Protein backbone atom coordinates (compact mmCIF):
# COMPACT_ATOMS: atom_id res chain seq x y z
CA UNK A 1 5.75 -31.01 -19.77
CA UNK A 2 4.69 -34.26 -18.10
CA UNK A 3 4.13 -37.16 -20.56
CA UNK A 4 1.41 -39.40 -19.08
CA UNK A 5 2.57 -42.33 -21.23
CA UNK A 6 5.81 -42.39 -19.27
CA UNK A 7 4.09 -42.91 -15.89
CA UNK A 8 0.76 -44.57 -16.78
CA UNK A 9 -0.23 -47.55 -18.88
CA UNK A 10 -2.49 -47.15 -21.89
CA UNK A 11 -5.40 -48.67 -19.98
CA UNK A 12 -4.91 -46.22 -17.11
CA UNK A 13 -4.78 -43.35 -19.56
CA UNK A 14 -8.05 -44.51 -21.19
CA UNK A 15 -9.73 -44.69 -17.77
CA UNK A 16 -8.37 -41.28 -16.89
CA UNK A 17 -9.79 -39.72 -20.05
CA UNK A 18 -13.17 -41.38 -19.47
CA UNK A 19 -13.41 -40.03 -15.93
CA UNK A 20 -12.20 -36.62 -17.11
CA UNK A 21 -14.99 -36.43 -19.69
CA UNK A 22 -17.48 -37.18 -16.93
CA UNK A 23 -16.03 -34.47 -14.68
CA UNK A 24 -15.08 -36.82 -11.82
CA UNK A 25 -11.31 -36.32 -11.67
CA UNK A 26 -9.87 -34.52 -8.67
CA UNK A 27 -6.67 -36.49 -8.22
CA UNK A 28 -2.98 -35.63 -8.37
CA UNK A 29 -0.61 -37.29 -10.84
CA UNK A 30 2.91 -37.44 -9.44
CA UNK A 31 6.27 -38.05 -11.06
CA UNK A 32 9.14 -37.54 -8.64
CA UNK A 33 8.60 -33.94 -7.46
CA UNK A 34 6.21 -32.96 -10.29
CA UNK A 35 2.57 -32.50 -9.20
CA UNK A 36 -0.09 -31.77 -11.80
CA UNK A 37 -3.51 -30.90 -10.41
CA UNK A 38 -6.35 -32.11 -12.62
CA UNK A 39 -9.37 -29.89 -12.15
CA UNK A 40 -12.92 -30.12 -13.38
CA UNK A 41 -13.49 -28.49 -16.75
CA UNK A 42 -16.77 -27.95 -18.56
CA UNK A 43 -16.09 -28.44 -22.28
CA UNK A 44 -19.46 -26.89 -23.11
CA UNK A 45 -18.25 -23.46 -21.99
CA UNK A 46 -15.25 -22.02 -23.82
CA UNK A 47 -13.03 -19.34 -22.30
CA UNK A 48 -13.81 -15.96 -23.86
CA UNK A 49 -10.97 -13.95 -22.34
CA UNK A 50 -7.73 -14.40 -24.26
CA UNK A 51 -4.45 -14.95 -22.45
CA UNK A 52 -3.32 -11.50 -23.55
CA UNK A 53 -6.43 -9.88 -22.06
CA UNK A 54 -5.97 -11.73 -18.75
CA UNK A 55 -2.31 -10.69 -18.71
CA UNK A 56 -3.21 -7.07 -19.41
CA UNK A 57 -5.85 -7.02 -16.67
CA UNK A 58 -3.32 -8.50 -14.25
CA UNK A 59 -0.81 -5.75 -15.11
CA UNK A 60 -3.41 -2.99 -14.78
CA UNK A 61 -4.62 -4.20 -11.40
CA UNK A 62 -1.04 -4.72 -10.18
CA UNK A 63 -0.49 -1.00 -10.80
CA UNK A 64 -3.75 -0.23 -9.03
CA UNK A 65 -2.70 -2.35 -6.03
CA UNK A 66 0.49 -0.30 -5.62
CA UNK A 67 -1.36 3.02 -5.86
CA UNK A 68 -4.19 1.91 -3.55
CA UNK A 69 -1.66 0.61 -1.01
CA UNK A 70 -0.14 4.10 -0.65
CA UNK A 71 -3.60 5.69 -0.41
CA UNK A 72 -4.73 3.33 2.38
CA UNK A 73 -1.51 3.87 4.35
CA UNK A 74 -1.98 7.63 4.28
CA UNK A 75 -5.72 7.60 4.93
CA UNK A 76 -5.72 5.05 7.76
CA UNK A 77 -2.45 6.31 9.27
CA UNK A 78 -0.92 2.85 9.48
CA UNK A 79 1.12 0.50 7.35
CA UNK A 80 -1.08 -1.05 4.64
CA UNK A 81 -0.10 -3.45 1.89
CA UNK A 82 -2.15 -4.41 -1.16
CA UNK A 83 -0.79 -7.30 -3.25
CA UNK A 84 -2.11 -8.53 -6.57
CA UNK A 85 -2.66 -12.31 -6.44
CA UNK A 86 -4.42 -13.54 -9.58
CA UNK A 87 -6.77 -12.82 -12.46
CA UNK A 88 -9.03 -15.67 -13.60
CA UNK A 89 -12.20 -16.22 -15.57
CA UNK A 90 -15.50 -17.44 -14.09
CA UNK A 91 -19.16 -17.14 -14.90
CA UNK A 92 -21.05 -14.50 -12.97
CA UNK A 93 -23.24 -17.21 -11.42
CA UNK A 94 -20.24 -19.14 -10.06
CA UNK A 95 -18.85 -15.98 -8.55
CA UNK A 96 -22.02 -14.67 -6.88
CA UNK A 97 -22.96 -18.11 -5.49
CA UNK A 98 -19.75 -18.10 -3.47
CA UNK A 99 -20.34 -14.70 -1.87
CA UNK A 100 -21.51 -14.26 1.73
CA UNK A 101 -24.05 -11.69 2.86
CA UNK A 102 -23.83 -8.93 3.94
CA UNK A 103 -20.77 -7.49 2.22
CA UNK A 104 -19.91 -4.37 0.24
CA UNK A 105 -20.47 -4.64 -3.51
CA UNK A 106 -19.66 -1.42 -5.32
CA UNK A 107 -21.11 -0.97 -8.82
CA UNK A 108 -18.65 1.10 -10.86
CA UNK A 109 -19.21 2.75 -14.25
CA UNK A 110 -16.03 2.91 -16.35
CA UNK A 111 -16.71 4.35 -19.81
CA UNK A 112 -15.57 3.62 -22.52
CA UNK A 113 -16.04 0.13 -21.02
CA UNK A 114 -19.57 -1.00 -21.81
CA UNK A 115 -21.71 -1.70 -18.77
CA UNK A 116 -20.84 -1.65 -15.05
CA UNK A 117 -18.02 -3.42 -13.22
CA UNK A 118 -17.94 -4.69 -9.65
CA UNK A 119 -15.71 -4.23 -6.60
CA UNK A 120 -16.22 -6.62 -3.68
CA UNK A 121 -14.91 -5.75 -0.21
CA UNK A 122 -15.37 -8.32 2.60
CA UNK A 123 -16.99 -7.28 5.91
CA UNK A 124 -13.82 -7.55 8.02
CA UNK A 125 -11.90 -5.16 5.73
CA UNK A 126 -14.89 -2.81 5.52
CA UNK A 127 -15.35 -2.59 9.30
CA UNK A 128 -11.58 -2.36 9.82
CA UNK A 129 -11.36 0.65 7.49
CA UNK A 130 -14.41 2.30 9.09
CA UNK A 131 -13.03 1.72 12.60
CA UNK A 132 -9.70 3.37 11.73
CA UNK A 133 -11.45 6.27 9.99
CA UNK A 134 -13.32 6.89 13.26
CA UNK A 135 -10.14 6.77 15.34
CA UNK A 136 -10.14 3.09 16.37
CA UNK A 137 -7.39 0.50 16.12
CA UNK A 138 -8.98 -1.22 13.14
CA UNK A 139 -8.31 -4.83 14.17
CA UNK A 140 -10.00 -7.92 12.80
CA UNK A 141 -13.50 -7.15 14.08
CA UNK A 142 -16.01 -9.98 14.23
CA UNK A 143 -19.19 -8.03 13.50
CA UNK A 144 -22.17 -9.95 12.18
CA UNK A 145 -24.72 -7.27 11.33
CA UNK A 146 -26.04 -5.31 8.39
CA UNK A 147 -24.20 -2.17 7.36
CA UNK A 148 -25.76 1.05 8.57
CA UNK A 149 -26.22 4.19 6.48
CA UNK A 150 -23.28 5.76 8.30
CA UNK A 151 -21.09 2.75 7.50
CA UNK A 152 -21.99 2.94 3.81
CA UNK A 153 -21.46 6.72 3.72
CA UNK A 154 -17.92 6.31 5.13
CA UNK A 155 -16.95 3.44 2.86
CA UNK A 156 -18.37 5.26 -0.17
CA UNK A 157 -15.73 7.98 0.32
CA UNK A 158 -13.03 5.32 0.17
CA UNK A 159 -14.63 3.79 -2.92
CA UNK A 160 -14.77 7.20 -4.61
CA UNK A 161 -11.01 7.53 -4.12
CA UNK A 162 -10.56 3.97 -5.38
CA UNK A 163 -12.25 5.06 -8.62
CA UNK A 164 -9.65 7.80 -9.10
CA UNK A 165 -6.82 5.31 -8.57
CA UNK A 166 -8.46 2.90 -11.02
CA UNK A 167 -8.39 5.67 -13.62
CA UNK A 168 -4.66 6.13 -13.02
CA UNK A 169 -3.99 2.40 -13.35
CA UNK A 170 -5.94 2.18 -16.64
CA UNK A 171 -4.46 5.32 -18.16
CA UNK A 172 -1.57 3.50 -19.84
CA UNK A 173 -3.93 1.15 -21.69
CA UNK A 174 -7.02 3.27 -22.33
CA UNK A 175 -8.28 6.37 -20.47
CA UNK A 176 -11.39 5.56 -18.43
CA UNK A 177 -13.71 7.67 -16.28
CA UNK A 178 -14.52 5.60 -13.20
CA UNK A 179 -17.44 6.69 -11.04
CA UNK A 180 -19.28 5.02 -8.17
CA UNK A 181 -22.79 4.15 -9.33
CA UNK A 182 -24.16 2.59 -6.12
CA UNK A 183 -23.36 0.25 -3.24
CA UNK A 184 -25.19 -3.01 -2.61
CA UNK A 185 -24.80 -5.29 0.41
CA UNK A 186 -26.42 -8.43 -1.03
CA UNK A 187 -25.25 -10.35 -4.13
CA UNK A 188 -28.81 -10.75 -5.42
CA UNK A 189 -29.10 -6.97 -5.93
CA UNK A 190 -25.72 -6.62 -7.66
CA UNK A 191 -26.42 -8.40 -10.93
CA UNK A 192 -24.35 -6.47 -13.46
CA UNK A 193 -24.63 -9.09 -16.27
CA UNK A 194 -26.55 -12.29 -16.96
CA UNK A 195 -25.58 -15.22 -14.76
CA UNK A 196 -23.98 -17.18 -17.61
CA UNK A 197 -21.81 -14.28 -18.71
CA UNK A 198 -18.04 -14.75 -18.14
CA UNK A 199 -16.23 -12.24 -15.94
CA UNK A 200 -12.56 -11.66 -15.12
CA UNK A 201 -11.96 -11.70 -11.36
CA UNK A 202 -8.81 -9.97 -10.09
CA UNK A 203 -8.08 -10.91 -6.48
CA UNK A 204 -5.94 -8.75 -4.19
CA UNK A 205 -4.80 -9.39 -0.65
CA UNK A 206 -5.18 -6.39 1.68
CA UNK A 207 -3.08 -6.23 4.86
CA UNK A 208 -3.91 -3.42 7.30
CA UNK A 209 -1.40 -3.03 10.16
CA UNK A 210 -0.45 -6.46 11.50
CA UNK A 211 -3.80 -7.83 12.61
CA UNK A 212 -6.19 -7.43 9.67
CA UNK A 213 -6.12 -9.26 6.37
CA UNK A 214 -8.70 -9.87 3.68
CA UNK A 215 -9.26 -10.14 -0.06
CA UNK A 216 -10.74 -7.59 -2.46
CA UNK A 217 -12.09 -8.66 -5.86
CA UNK A 218 -12.37 -6.48 -8.98
CA UNK A 219 -14.78 -8.06 -11.48
CA UNK A 220 -14.99 -6.99 -15.12
CA UNK A 221 -17.51 -8.68 -17.47
CA UNK A 222 -16.32 -9.82 -20.87
CA UNK A 223 -18.96 -7.69 -22.60
CA UNK A 224 -17.47 -4.58 -20.96
CA UNK A 225 -14.17 -5.13 -22.78
CA UNK A 226 -15.55 -5.84 -26.25
CA UNK A 227 -15.35 -2.17 -27.25
CA UNK A 228 -11.63 -2.02 -26.41
CA UNK A 229 -10.69 -5.63 -27.23
CA UNK A 230 -7.89 -4.64 -29.63
CA UNK A 231 -6.39 -2.22 -27.11
CA UNK A 232 -6.38 -4.91 -24.43
CA UNK A 233 -3.77 -6.91 -26.33
CA UNK A 234 -0.67 -6.22 -24.23
CA UNK A 235 1.67 -6.27 -27.25
CA UNK A 236 -0.39 -3.50 -28.87
CA UNK A 237 -0.52 -1.04 -25.97
CA UNK A 238 3.01 -1.78 -24.78
CA UNK A 239 4.53 -0.90 -28.16
CA UNK A 240 2.25 2.01 -29.03
CA UNK A 241 2.58 3.90 -25.75
CA UNK A 242 5.22 6.59 -26.03
CA UNK A 243 6.63 8.87 -23.39
CA UNK A 244 5.57 12.42 -24.12
CA UNK A 245 7.93 15.07 -22.77
CA UNK A 246 6.38 18.42 -21.97
CA UNK A 247 9.08 20.91 -22.94
CA UNK A 248 7.43 23.74 -21.03
CA UNK A 249 7.34 21.73 -17.78
CA UNK A 250 10.93 20.64 -18.35
CA UNK A 251 12.01 24.28 -18.68
CA UNK A 252 10.15 25.26 -15.48
CA UNK A 253 11.77 22.42 -13.51
CA UNK A 254 15.23 23.34 -14.76
CA UNK A 255 14.71 27.00 -13.78
CA UNK A 256 13.54 26.03 -10.30
CA UNK A 257 16.48 23.68 -9.81
CA UNK A 258 19.02 26.23 -11.09
CA UNK A 259 17.77 28.81 -8.54
CA UNK A 260 17.86 26.38 -5.61
CA UNK A 261 20.36 27.20 -2.84
CA UNK A 262 23.00 24.66 -1.84
CA UNK A 263 25.74 24.78 0.85
CA UNK A 264 29.31 24.75 -0.48
CA UNK A 265 32.28 24.16 1.88
CA UNK A 266 36.06 24.09 1.37
CA UNK A 267 37.80 21.69 3.74
CA UNK A 268 41.45 21.46 4.79
CA UNK A 269 43.10 18.14 5.49
CA UNK A 270 42.40 16.95 9.03
CA UNK A 271 44.88 16.90 11.90
CA UNK A 272 44.94 14.91 15.13
CA UNK A 273 45.55 16.19 18.65
CA UNK A 274 45.19 14.58 22.04
CA UNK A 275 42.16 15.16 24.23
CA UNK A 276 44.41 16.80 26.83
CA UNK A 277 45.73 19.32 24.29
CA UNK A 278 42.16 20.02 23.22
CA UNK A 279 41.06 20.74 26.80
CA UNK A 280 44.06 23.09 27.32
CA UNK A 281 43.44 25.21 24.22
CA UNK A 282 43.24 28.95 24.92
CA UNK A 283 42.76 32.07 22.80
CA UNK A 284 45.96 32.78 20.89
CA UNK A 285 47.09 29.12 20.61
CA UNK A 286 48.07 27.93 17.14
CA UNK A 287 47.00 24.56 15.70
CA UNK A 288 49.36 23.09 13.12
CA UNK A 289 47.26 21.43 10.41
CA UNK A 290 48.31 18.52 8.24
CA UNK A 291 47.73 20.76 5.23
CA UNK A 292 50.56 22.40 3.29
CA UNK A 293 50.08 25.78 1.63
CA UNK A 294 50.53 24.19 -1.78
CA UNK A 295 47.96 21.45 -1.10
CA UNK A 296 44.51 21.65 -2.64
CA UNK A 297 41.37 21.86 -0.52
CA UNK A 298 38.37 19.58 -1.00
CA UNK A 299 35.22 21.45 -2.08
CA UNK A 300 31.99 19.76 -0.98
CA UNK A 301 28.43 20.47 -2.09
CA UNK A 302 25.76 19.51 0.48
CA UNK A 303 28.49 17.58 2.36
CA UNK A 304 29.34 15.54 -0.76
CA UNK A 305 32.98 15.95 -1.97
CA UNK A 306 32.83 17.13 -5.58
CA UNK A 307 35.93 19.22 -6.49
CA UNK A 308 39.56 20.05 -5.73
CA UNK A 309 40.41 23.73 -5.35
CA UNK A 310 43.15 26.29 -4.57
CA UNK A 311 42.83 28.94 -1.88
CA UNK A 312 43.15 32.56 -2.95
CA UNK A 313 41.66 36.06 -2.77
CA UNK A 314 39.02 37.55 -5.06
CA UNK A 315 37.51 41.01 -4.61
CA UNK A 316 39.09 41.29 -1.14
CA UNK A 317 37.47 38.02 -0.03
CA UNK A 318 38.89 34.57 0.62
CA UNK A 319 38.05 32.43 -2.40
CA UNK A 320 38.58 28.95 -3.79
CA UNK A 321 39.47 28.33 -7.42
CA UNK A 322 38.17 25.00 -8.77
CA UNK A 323 41.04 23.02 -10.29
CA UNK A 324 39.41 19.71 -11.18
CA UNK A 325 36.36 17.53 -10.58
CA UNK A 326 36.85 15.02 -7.80
CA UNK A 327 34.65 12.39 -9.43
CA UNK A 328 36.93 12.16 -12.45
CA UNK A 329 39.75 10.91 -10.26
CA UNK A 330 37.65 8.09 -8.70
């Protein structure tokens, strides 16, 4: 931790604290290669989300990002990557004041969470997804117009699938039932809580193919988490969650695997001949192998060497008797 007394005089520290209390500091204090950014902070508004809750939300949405990445790649038939960037707290007013218009704002109901949550998708990502769904290349389209009913109908199908993936991401913490309530295209019609209410904003970077990139935000109000506040503590859900093994499913899988067919081959030691001898081979010629009668053959399963064996006859058929497991010798 940087000790200001080591790099600043007492007078400079007093001035720094005075300016900080007035909210005027936006400077960088430097000591060698250490840079500490001093940001504005309103002491009248205390953070309501605990560090554990922010950490848990980050973990949940990281899982969602992985699942949604696979869904987008399959749906849009191109390589898509969704990366979780950050989860931070803001007031709803600060967040909505920074939003452009038009854009896609999906109002999502997620009981047992109390009240709606919000998903924000920027116009370039929205039009890129719609373009690829309709057979286009889905590049970074510069379209400055309101969304049509057809646009919203197409993106609503994607949002409905997003809700299912959100359920999967939340399942480890608390089971939720996520459903799309409605879609708004203007921030003024998407007020899910009062403007002074704190919300947790999880930001994800979406990369579609090589020419389209944007950021999706998932916003959850603090009041929505009050009913499950204890469960949101990461130490609680991480220790309480146990892996439940379904014995019936395990038995079915074992039966299916035991009845699966696999190729088994017994291989002699290799021998080497010249290309000329190979071209002159005729029916009746004898190839002398590098394999003695007393030598063991190598038994492979699906082309993977697994056993040593002896050649013999069983029930009037050529057979191989397993002598030892090859892996034990390695």
